[in-house]
Structures are given as C-alpha cells and as structure tokens.
Amino acid sequence: MQSSRPYLARALYEWLLDNELTPYIVVDAEQDGVEVPRQFVQNGQIVLNLGPTAVRDLHMDNSVIRFSARFNGQSQMLFVPMSALIALYARENGVGMVFGHEPVLPEVDDESAEDDSGPALESVERGGSQEGGSDDADDGDDGEQGIPPRKGRPSLRVIK
C-alpha cells in the first residue's frame, strides 16, 4: 500500500492556496536525499515557504517535492523526499497538518500475499474480540451491547 502523505500534502497545499494562504513546510533535513541550504537548518529541521511567489517549478509527486528557490540571492534546486516532510501549514494562521512517522511496509506481490508465515489481520481480530469482549461487558450500557462483532472484516485496534 502506498503512503497517504503525498496525496494529503498535495490536497492541503491546493486548499491553502485556494484560501489565499501561504503554505510552509517543515522538513527533517537530516534524512537521506534531502537537499536544502544547510546554513538555514536548525535542530535538524528547516522551514520552507512554498508560496507561488517564493518558488519556481514546484513539483510534488509521490516520492519527492522538488522546486527552485532563492537563498541570499542565489537560486537553488531543493529536493525533499516525502518521508522527510514533517508538516505543511499556513503561515498566516498555523492551520495545517503534522505528518507522523509512517512504518515502512514491504511491497506486496501475488506470491507474498499467499504466504502464511507472517501474522494475519484475522488473527489479530480474533484475539481482540476475545480480550475486549470480556472487559467491555461490565462497563454498562454504551449502546453497543446488542451489536454482534463483525466476522471476516478487518478492523483497526489501538494497542497501548
């Protein structure tokens, strides 16, 4: 499954521009493949203005954000891998999104999809309904007592 980060970043960028706000990004400058002016990096991060008047040739694809910008009168080409994008927000009011670290998932092909050596979502679901069912029954009426658990459908469960 592909990362949702580039899709969310492009949508948020367009939304900020449509609302006449200035998009800024926060970048983890210490990740591999990041090409930014090092003299402006603070605490391993850099904040960059992505407004249409601040950059040229902006291109955001699924793997990288690349654009040209001027620093101290010198035009530079910048490369920000999507994995290094920490946040995208509006300068004027701070509205935006902070992106969490995404786990690196292996590419799934037909052969590995049939491989039963790893854990399956089904096994997590069974374990969750056995543990959660006994604890939740004593909590009183929360409106979900009469609903039987769904079987065979994936579900997300946060484990602390």
N, C-alpha and C. Protein backbone atom coordinates (compact mmCIF):
# COMPACT_ATOMS: atom_id res chain seq x y z
N MET A 1 0.84 -1.17 0.00
CA MET A 1 0.00 0.00 0.00
C MET A 1 0.89 1.24 0.00
N GLN A 2 0.55 2.21 -0.82
CA GLN A 2 1.33 3.43 -0.92
C GLN A 2 1.02 4.36 0.26
N SER A 3 1.96 5.22 0.56
CA SER A 3 1.80 6.20 1.62
C SER A 3 0.72 7.21 1.25
N SER A 4 -0.04 7.64 2.25
CA SER A 4 -1.06 8.67 2.02
C SER A 4 -0.46 10.07 2.08
N ARG A 5 0.75 10.20 2.59
CA ARG A 5 1.38 11.51 2.79
C ARG A 5 1.41 12.37 1.53
N PRO A 6 1.87 11.88 0.37
CA PRO A 6 1.92 12.77 -0.79
C PRO A 6 0.54 13.24 -1.25
N TYR A 7 -0.46 12.39 -1.12
CA TYR A 7 -1.81 12.76 -1.53
C TYR A 7 -2.37 13.82 -0.60
N LEU A 8 -2.17 13.64 0.71
CA LEU A 8 -2.64 14.63 1.68
C LEU A 8 -1.89 15.94 1.52
N ALA A 9 -0.59 15.86 1.28
CA ALA A 9 0.22 17.08 1.12
C ALA A 9 -0.24 17.88 -0.09
N ARG A 10 -0.47 17.21 -1.22
CA ARG A 10 -0.93 17.93 -2.42
C ARG A 10 -2.30 18.56 -2.19
N ALA A 11 -3.20 17.82 -1.56
CA ALA A 11 -4.54 18.34 -1.31
C ALA A 11 -4.50 19.54 -0.35
N LEU A 12 -3.72 19.42 0.70
CA LEU A 12 -3.61 20.50 1.67
C LEU A 12 -2.97 21.74 1.04
N TYR A 13 -1.95 21.53 0.22
CA TYR A 13 -1.30 22.63 -0.48
C TYR A 13 -2.30 23.39 -1.34
N GLU A 14 -3.08 22.67 -2.14
CA GLU A 14 -4.09 23.29 -3.01
C GLU A 14 -5.15 24.02 -2.19
N TRP A 15 -5.56 23.42 -1.08
CA TRP A 15 -6.58 24.03 -0.22
C TRP A 15 -6.06 25.34 0.37
N LEU A 16 -4.81 25.36 0.81
CA LEU A 16 -4.23 26.58 1.36
C LEU A 16 -4.17 27.68 0.30
N LEU A 17 -3.76 27.33 -0.92
CA LEU A 17 -3.71 28.32 -1.99
C LEU A 17 -5.10 28.83 -2.34
N ASP A 18 -6.08 27.93 -2.39
CA ASP A 18 -7.46 28.34 -2.69
C ASP A 18 -8.00 29.32 -1.66
N ASN A 19 -7.52 29.23 -0.43
CA ASN A 19 -7.94 30.12 0.64
C ASN A 19 -7.00 31.32 0.81
N GLU A 20 -6.14 31.54 -0.19
CA GLU A 20 -5.22 32.67 -0.23
C GLU A 20 -4.29 32.72 0.98
N LEU A 21 -3.81 31.53 1.39
CA LEU A 21 -2.87 31.42 2.49
C LEU A 21 -1.51 31.01 1.94
N THR A 22 -0.46 31.23 2.70
CA THR A 22 0.90 30.91 2.28
C THR A 22 1.33 29.57 2.85
N PRO A 23 1.52 28.56 1.99
CA PRO A 23 1.93 27.24 2.51
C PRO A 23 3.40 27.20 2.88
N TYR A 24 3.67 26.71 4.08
CA TYR A 24 5.02 26.47 4.57
C TYR A 24 5.15 24.99 4.86
N ILE A 25 6.36 24.45 4.67
CA ILE A 25 6.61 23.07 5.05
C ILE A 25 7.74 23.01 6.07
N VAL A 26 7.66 22.01 6.93
CA VAL A 26 8.73 21.72 7.88
C VAL A 26 9.36 20.42 7.40
N VAL A 27 10.68 20.41 7.27
CA VAL A 27 11.40 19.28 6.68
C VAL A 27 12.43 18.75 7.67
N ASP A 28 12.51 17.43 7.76
CA ASP A 28 13.58 16.77 8.52
C ASP A 28 14.81 16.79 7.62
N ALA A 29 15.69 17.73 7.86
CA ALA A 29 16.84 17.95 6.99
C ALA A 29 17.93 16.90 7.15
N GLU A 30 17.81 16.01 8.13
CA GLU A 30 18.83 15.00 8.37
C GLU A 30 18.56 13.68 7.65
N GLN A 31 17.42 13.55 7.00
CA GLN A 31 17.13 12.32 6.28
C GLN A 31 17.91 12.26 4.97
N ASP A 32 18.13 11.03 4.51
CA ASP A 32 18.83 10.82 3.25
C ASP A 32 18.03 11.42 2.09
N GLY A 33 18.72 12.03 1.15
CA GLY A 33 18.08 12.55 -0.05
C GLY A 33 17.58 13.98 0.07
N VAL A 34 17.61 14.56 1.26
CA VAL A 34 17.16 15.94 1.44
C VAL A 34 18.26 16.88 0.96
N GLU A 35 17.90 17.76 0.04
CA GLU A 35 18.84 18.76 -0.47
C GLU A 35 18.24 20.13 -0.24
N VAL A 36 18.70 20.77 0.84
CA VAL A 36 18.26 22.11 1.23
C VAL A 36 19.49 22.91 1.65
N PRO A 37 19.39 24.24 1.70
CA PRO A 37 20.54 25.03 2.15
C PRO A 37 20.82 24.77 3.63
N ARG A 38 21.94 24.17 3.92
CA ARG A 38 22.30 23.73 5.27
C ARG A 38 22.47 24.88 6.26
N GLN A 39 22.79 26.07 5.77
CA GLN A 39 23.00 27.19 6.69
C GLN A 39 21.71 27.64 7.36
N PHE A 40 20.54 27.20 6.86
CA PHE A 40 19.27 27.58 7.45
C PHE A 40 18.64 26.46 8.28
N VAL A 41 19.33 25.35 8.42
CA VAL A 41 18.83 24.22 9.20
C VAL A 41 19.05 24.50 10.67
N GLN A 42 17.98 24.32 11.46
CA GLN A 42 18.07 24.49 12.91
C GLN A 42 17.47 23.27 13.59
N ASN A 43 18.22 22.69 14.51
CA ASN A 43 17.77 21.48 15.24
C ASN A 43 17.38 20.36 14.28
N GLY A 44 18.07 20.25 13.17
CA GLY A 44 17.82 19.19 12.21
C GLY A 44 16.61 19.41 11.32
N GLN A 45 15.99 20.59 11.42
CA GLN A 45 14.80 20.89 10.62
C GLN A 45 14.97 22.22 9.90
N ILE A 46 14.20 22.37 8.83
CA ILE A 46 14.17 23.63 8.10
C ILE A 46 12.72 23.91 7.72
N VAL A 47 12.34 25.19 7.79
CA VAL A 47 11.01 25.63 7.38
C VAL A 47 11.15 26.35 6.05
N LEU A 48 10.35 25.94 5.07
CA LEU A 48 10.45 26.49 3.72
C LEU A 48 9.10 27.04 3.27
N ASN A 49 9.13 28.18 2.62
CA ASN A 49 7.94 28.81 2.05
C ASN A 49 7.68 28.19 0.68
N LEU A 50 6.51 27.60 0.48
CA LEU A 50 6.15 27.02 -0.82
C LEU A 50 5.15 27.87 -1.58
N GLY A 51 4.99 29.12 -1.18
CA GLY A 51 4.06 30.01 -1.88
C GLY A 51 4.47 30.22 -3.32
N PRO A 52 3.49 30.46 -4.19
CA PRO A 52 3.80 30.63 -5.62
C PRO A 52 4.78 31.76 -5.92
N THR A 53 4.84 32.78 -5.08
CA THR A 53 5.79 33.87 -5.31
C THR A 53 7.19 33.56 -4.76
N ALA A 54 7.31 32.50 -3.97
CA ALA A 54 8.60 32.17 -3.35
C ALA A 54 9.35 31.06 -4.07
N VAL A 55 8.65 30.25 -4.86
CA VAL A 55 9.30 29.11 -5.51
C VAL A 55 9.01 29.11 -7.01
N ARG A 56 9.83 28.37 -7.72
CA ARG A 56 9.62 28.16 -9.16
C ARG A 56 9.67 26.67 -9.44
N ASP A 57 8.93 26.27 -10.45
CA ASP A 57 8.95 24.89 -10.93
C ASP A 57 8.65 23.88 -9.82
N LEU A 58 7.65 24.17 -9.00
CA LEU A 58 7.27 23.26 -7.92
C LEU A 58 6.65 22.00 -8.51
N HIS A 59 7.15 20.86 -8.06
CA HIS A 59 6.60 19.57 -8.48
C HIS A 59 6.50 18.67 -7.25
N MET A 60 5.29 18.20 -6.98
CA MET A 60 5.05 17.30 -5.86
C MET A 60 4.56 15.98 -6.43
N ASP A 61 5.39 14.95 -6.35
CA ASP A 61 4.91 13.63 -6.78
C ASP A 61 4.90 12.71 -5.57
N ASN A 62 4.70 11.43 -5.78
CA ASN A 62 4.55 10.50 -4.66
C ASN A 62 5.84 10.25 -3.89
N SER A 63 6.98 10.61 -4.45
CA SER A 63 8.23 10.32 -3.77
C SER A 63 9.00 11.56 -3.31
N VAL A 64 8.79 12.72 -3.97
CA VAL A 64 9.61 13.88 -3.66
C VAL A 64 8.88 15.19 -3.95
N ILE A 65 9.23 16.22 -3.20
CA ILE A 65 8.84 17.59 -3.52
C ILE A 65 10.11 18.26 -4.02
N ARG A 66 10.06 18.82 -5.22
CA ARG A 66 11.24 19.50 -5.75
C ARG A 66 10.83 20.85 -6.31
N PHE A 67 11.69 21.82 -6.10
CA PHE A 67 11.42 23.17 -6.56
C PHE A 67 12.71 23.98 -6.51
N SER A 68 12.64 25.14 -7.11
CA SER A 68 13.76 26.06 -7.11
C SER A 68 13.37 27.26 -6.24
N ALA A 69 14.30 27.73 -5.43
CA ALA A 69 14.06 28.89 -4.57
C ALA A 69 15.35 29.68 -4.44
N ARG A 70 15.22 30.94 -4.03
CA ARG A 70 16.39 31.82 -3.89
C ARG A 70 16.75 31.96 -2.42
N PHE A 71 18.04 31.82 -2.12
CA PHE A 71 18.59 32.00 -0.79
C PHE A 71 19.81 32.90 -0.92
N ASN A 72 19.79 34.03 -0.23
CA ASN A 72 20.87 35.01 -0.33
C ASN A 72 21.17 35.39 -1.78
N GLY A 73 20.11 35.53 -2.56
CA GLY A 73 20.26 35.95 -3.96
C GLY A 73 20.66 34.85 -4.92
N GLN A 74 20.91 33.65 -4.42
CA GLN A 74 21.32 32.53 -5.27
C GLN A 74 20.16 31.56 -5.46
N SER A 75 19.87 31.21 -6.69
CA SER A 75 18.82 30.23 -6.98
C SER A 75 19.37 28.83 -6.72
N GLN A 76 18.59 28.03 -5.99
CA GLN A 76 19.00 26.66 -5.68
C GLN A 76 17.85 25.71 -5.96
N MET A 77 18.18 24.51 -6.37
CA MET A 77 17.19 23.45 -6.56
C MET A 77 17.11 22.67 -5.25
N LEU A 78 15.91 22.50 -4.72
CA LEU A 78 15.71 21.80 -3.46
C LEU A 78 14.96 20.50 -3.71
N PHE A 79 15.33 19.47 -2.96
CA PHE A 79 14.68 18.16 -3.04
C PHE A 79 14.29 17.74 -1.63
N VAL A 80 13.02 17.41 -1.46
CA VAL A 80 12.51 16.95 -0.16
C VAL A 80 11.78 15.63 -0.38
N PRO A 81 12.38 14.51 -0.01
CA PRO A 81 11.66 13.24 -0.10
C PRO A 81 10.40 13.30 0.77
N MET A 82 9.34 12.68 0.32
CA MET A 82 8.08 12.72 1.08
C MET A 82 8.25 12.20 2.50
N SER A 83 9.15 11.26 2.69
CA SER A 83 9.36 10.72 4.03
C SER A 83 9.97 11.76 4.97
N ALA A 84 10.59 12.82 4.43
CA ALA A 84 11.20 13.86 5.25
C ALA A 84 10.24 15.02 5.54
N LEU A 85 9.05 14.98 4.94
CA LEU A 85 8.06 16.04 5.18
C LEU A 85 7.44 15.85 6.56
N ILE A 86 7.66 16.81 7.44
CA ILE A 86 7.14 16.72 8.81
C ILE A 86 5.78 17.39 8.92
N ALA A 87 5.62 18.56 8.31
CA ALA A 87 4.36 19.31 8.43
C ALA A 87 4.17 20.22 7.24
N LEU A 88 2.91 20.57 6.97
CA LEU A 88 2.54 21.55 5.96
C LEU A 88 1.48 22.41 6.61
N TYR A 89 1.69 23.73 6.64
CA TYR A 89 0.76 24.61 7.35
C TYR A 89 0.73 25.99 6.70
N ALA A 90 -0.26 26.81 7.11
CA ALA A 90 -0.39 28.18 6.62
C ALA A 90 0.39 29.13 7.52
N ARG A 91 1.18 29.98 6.92
CA ARG A 91 1.95 30.96 7.70
C ARG A 91 1.04 31.90 8.48
N GLU A 92 -0.07 32.29 7.89
CA GLU A 92 -0.93 33.30 8.48
C GLU A 92 -1.63 32.86 9.76
N ASN A 93 -2.05 31.61 9.83
CA ASN A 93 -2.84 31.18 11.00
C ASN A 93 -2.43 29.82 11.57
N GLY A 94 -1.43 29.17 10.98
CA GLY A 94 -0.95 27.90 11.51
C GLY A 94 -1.81 26.69 11.18
N VAL A 95 -2.88 26.88 10.41
CA VAL A 95 -3.74 25.76 10.04
C VAL A 95 -2.98 24.85 9.09
N GLY A 96 -3.02 23.57 9.36
CA GLY A 96 -2.33 22.62 8.50
C GLY A 96 -2.32 21.24 9.10
N MET A 97 -1.25 20.50 8.84
CA MET A 97 -1.18 19.12 9.27
C MET A 97 0.26 18.75 9.59
N VAL A 98 0.40 18.01 10.69
CA VAL A 98 1.69 17.41 11.03
C VAL A 98 1.60 15.95 10.64
N PHE A 99 2.59 15.48 9.92
CA PHE A 99 2.60 14.10 9.45
C PHE A 99 3.41 13.25 10.42
N GLY A 100 2.84 12.16 10.88
CA GLY A 100 3.56 11.25 11.76
C GLY A 100 4.52 10.39 10.96
N HIS A 101 5.35 9.67 11.67
CA HIS A 101 6.26 8.74 11.00
C HIS A 101 5.47 7.53 10.55
N GLU A 102 5.61 7.19 9.29
CA GLU A 102 4.92 6.03 8.74
C GLU A 102 5.84 4.84 8.74
N PRO A 103 5.34 3.69 9.13
CA PRO A 103 6.18 2.50 9.06
C PRO A 103 6.45 2.13 7.60
N VAL A 104 7.62 1.60 7.35
CA VAL A 104 7.96 1.17 6.01
C VAL A 104 7.36 -0.22 5.80
N LEU A 105 6.44 -0.31 4.86
CA LEU A 105 5.78 -1.58 4.57
C LEU A 105 6.41 -2.20 3.33
N PRO A 106 6.61 -3.50 3.35
CA PRO A 106 7.17 -4.15 2.16
C PRO A 106 6.13 -4.15 1.04
N GLU A 107 6.63 -4.11 -0.18
CA GLU A 107 5.73 -4.20 -1.33
C GLU A 107 5.07 -5.57 -1.35
N VAL A 108 3.79 -5.61 -1.62
CA VAL A 108 3.05 -6.87 -1.64
C VAL A 108 2.88 -7.31 -3.08
N ASP A 109 3.30 -8.53 -3.36
CA ASP A 109 3.07 -9.10 -4.68
C ASP A 109 2.21 -10.36 -4.50
N ASP A 110 1.87 -11.01 -5.61
CA ASP A 110 0.97 -12.16 -5.56
C ASP A 110 1.53 -13.30 -4.72
N GLU A 111 2.83 -13.55 -4.80
CA GLU A 111 3.41 -14.67 -4.06
C GLU A 111 3.40 -14.42 -2.56
N SER A 112 3.76 -13.19 -2.13
CA SER A 112 3.80 -12.92 -0.70
C SER A 112 2.40 -12.77 -0.12
N ALA A 113 1.41 -12.45 -0.95
CA ALA A 113 0.04 -12.34 -0.45
C ALA A 113 -0.48 -13.70 -0.02
N GLU A 114 0.02 -14.77 -0.64
CA GLU A 114 -0.43 -16.11 -0.30
C GLU A 114 0.42 -16.74 0.79
N ASP A 115 1.51 -16.10 1.19
CA ASP A 115 2.41 -16.64 2.19
C ASP A 115 1.78 -16.51 3.57
N ASP A 116 1.71 -17.60 4.32
CA ASP A 116 1.08 -17.59 5.63
C ASP A 116 2.09 -17.50 6.77
N SER A 117 3.34 -17.15 6.47
CA SER A 117 4.36 -17.15 7.51
C SER A 117 4.24 -15.97 8.47
N GLY A 118 3.63 -14.86 8.05
CA GLY A 118 3.52 -13.68 8.90
C GLY A 118 2.16 -13.61 9.58
N PRO A 119 2.01 -12.68 10.53
CA PRO A 119 0.73 -12.53 11.20
C PRO A 119 -0.33 -12.02 10.23
N ALA A 120 -1.55 -12.42 10.46
CA ALA A 120 -2.65 -12.00 9.61
C ALA A 120 -3.60 -11.13 10.41
N LEU A 121 -4.30 -10.24 9.72
CA LEU A 121 -5.26 -9.38 10.38
C LEU A 121 -6.34 -10.19 11.07
N GLU A 122 -6.70 -11.31 10.47
CA GLU A 122 -7.74 -12.17 11.04
C GLU A 122 -7.33 -12.65 12.44
N SER A 123 -6.06 -12.99 12.63
CA SER A 123 -5.63 -13.48 13.94
C SER A 123 -5.67 -12.36 14.98
N VAL A 124 -5.38 -11.14 14.57
CA VAL A 124 -5.45 -10.01 15.48
C VAL A 124 -6.90 -9.75 15.87
N GLU A 125 -7.80 -9.86 14.89
CA GLU A 125 -9.22 -9.61 15.16
C GLU A 125 -9.77 -10.62 16.15
N ARG A 126 -9.45 -11.89 15.98
CA ARG A 126 -9.93 -12.91 16.90
C ARG A 126 -9.43 -12.65 18.31
N GLY A 127 -8.15 -12.32 18.43
CA GLY A 127 -7.58 -12.04 19.74
C GLY A 127 -8.22 -10.81 20.36
N GLY A 128 -8.53 -9.81 19.55
CA GLY A 128 -9.13 -8.59 20.07
C GLY A 128 -10.54 -8.82 20.56
N SER A 129 -11.35 -9.65 19.89
CA SER A 129 -12.71 -9.83 20.33
C SER A 129 -12.77 -10.71 21.57
N GLN A 130 -11.79 -11.59 21.77
CA GLN A 130 -11.79 -12.41 22.97
C GLN A 130 -11.41 -11.57 24.18
N GLU A 131 -10.38 -10.71 24.03
CA GLU A 131 -9.94 -9.88 25.15
C GLU A 131 -10.92 -8.75 25.42
N GLY A 132 -11.33 -8.07 24.36
CA GLY A 132 -12.18 -6.89 24.52
C GLY A 132 -13.59 -7.25 24.94
N GLY A 133 -14.09 -8.41 24.55
CA GLY A 133 -15.47 -8.77 24.86
C GLY A 133 -15.70 -8.95 26.34
N SER A 134 -14.77 -9.54 27.06
CA SER A 134 -14.97 -9.78 28.48
C SER A 134 -14.82 -8.50 29.29
N ASP A 135 -13.94 -7.58 28.87
CA ASP A 135 -13.75 -6.35 29.61
C ASP A 135 -14.89 -5.36 29.38
N ASP A 136 -15.39 -5.29 28.17
CA ASP A 136 -16.41 -4.30 27.83
C ASP A 136 -17.78 -4.66 28.35
N ALA A 137 -18.04 -5.92 28.66
CA ALA A 137 -19.37 -6.33 29.07
C ALA A 137 -19.75 -5.74 30.43
N ASP A 138 -18.79 -5.42 31.28
CA ASP A 138 -19.08 -4.92 32.61
C ASP A 138 -19.18 -3.40 32.67
N ASP A 139 -18.98 -2.71 31.53
CA ASP A 139 -18.96 -1.26 31.54
C ASP A 139 -20.34 -0.62 31.56
N GLY A 140 -21.39 -1.38 31.48
CA GLY A 140 -22.73 -0.81 31.47
C GLY A 140 -23.23 -0.66 30.05
N ASP A 141 -24.34 0.07 29.89
CA ASP A 141 -24.97 0.21 28.59
C ASP A 141 -24.34 1.36 27.83
N ASP A 142 -23.58 1.03 26.80
CA ASP A 142 -22.97 2.07 25.99
C ASP A 142 -23.55 2.10 24.58
N GLY A 143 -24.65 1.42 24.37
CA GLY A 143 -25.32 1.45 23.08
C GLY A 143 -24.81 0.42 22.10
N GLU A 144 -23.78 -0.35 22.44
CA GLU A 144 -23.23 -1.30 21.50
C GLU A 144 -23.42 -2.74 21.96
N GLN A 145 -24.18 -2.98 23.05
CA GLN A 145 -24.30 -4.34 23.57
C GLN A 145 -24.99 -5.28 22.60
N GLY A 146 -26.02 -4.81 21.92
CA GLY A 146 -26.81 -5.68 21.05
C GLY A 146 -26.18 -5.93 19.70
N ILE A 147 -25.06 -5.28 19.38
CA ILE A 147 -24.45 -5.43 18.06
C ILE A 147 -23.40 -6.53 18.13
N PRO A 148 -23.59 -7.60 17.36
CA PRO A 148 -22.60 -8.67 17.37
C PRO A 148 -21.33 -8.21 16.65
N PRO A 149 -20.17 -8.73 17.04
CA PRO A 149 -18.93 -8.35 16.34
C PRO A 149 -18.95 -8.86 14.91
N ARG A 150 -18.37 -8.07 14.02
CA ARG A 150 -18.30 -8.46 12.61
C ARG A 150 -17.22 -9.50 12.45
N LYS A 151 -17.52 -10.53 11.70
CA LYS A 151 -16.53 -11.56 11.45
C LYS A 151 -16.08 -11.49 9.99
N GLY A 152 -14.80 -11.69 9.80
CA GLY A 152 -14.26 -11.70 8.44
C GLY A 152 -13.97 -10.32 7.88
N ARG A 153 -14.25 -9.25 8.62
CA ARG A 153 -13.97 -7.90 8.15
C ARG A 153 -12.81 -7.33 8.94
N PRO A 154 -11.91 -6.62 8.30
CA PRO A 154 -10.79 -6.05 9.03
C PRO A 154 -11.25 -4.92 9.94
N SER A 155 -10.53 -4.76 11.04
CA SER A 155 -10.82 -3.66 11.95
C SER A 155 -9.50 -3.12 12.49
N LEU A 156 -9.51 -1.89 12.93
CA LEU A 156 -8.32 -1.26 13.47
C LEU A 156 -8.45 -1.23 14.98
N ARG A 157 -7.42 -1.66 15.66
CA ARG A 157 -7.44 -1.67 17.11
C ARG A 157 -6.13 -1.07 17.61
N VAL A 158 -6.23 -0.06 18.48
CA VAL A 158 -5.04 0.57 19.03
C VAL A 158 -4.63 -0.20 20.28
N ILE A 159 -3.38 -0.63 20.32
CA ILE A 159 -2.86 -1.37 21.46
C ILE A 159 -1.84 -0.49 22.14
N LYS A 160 -2.03 -0.24 23.41
CA LYS A 160 -1.13 0.64 24.16
C LYS A 160 -0.10 -0.16 24.90
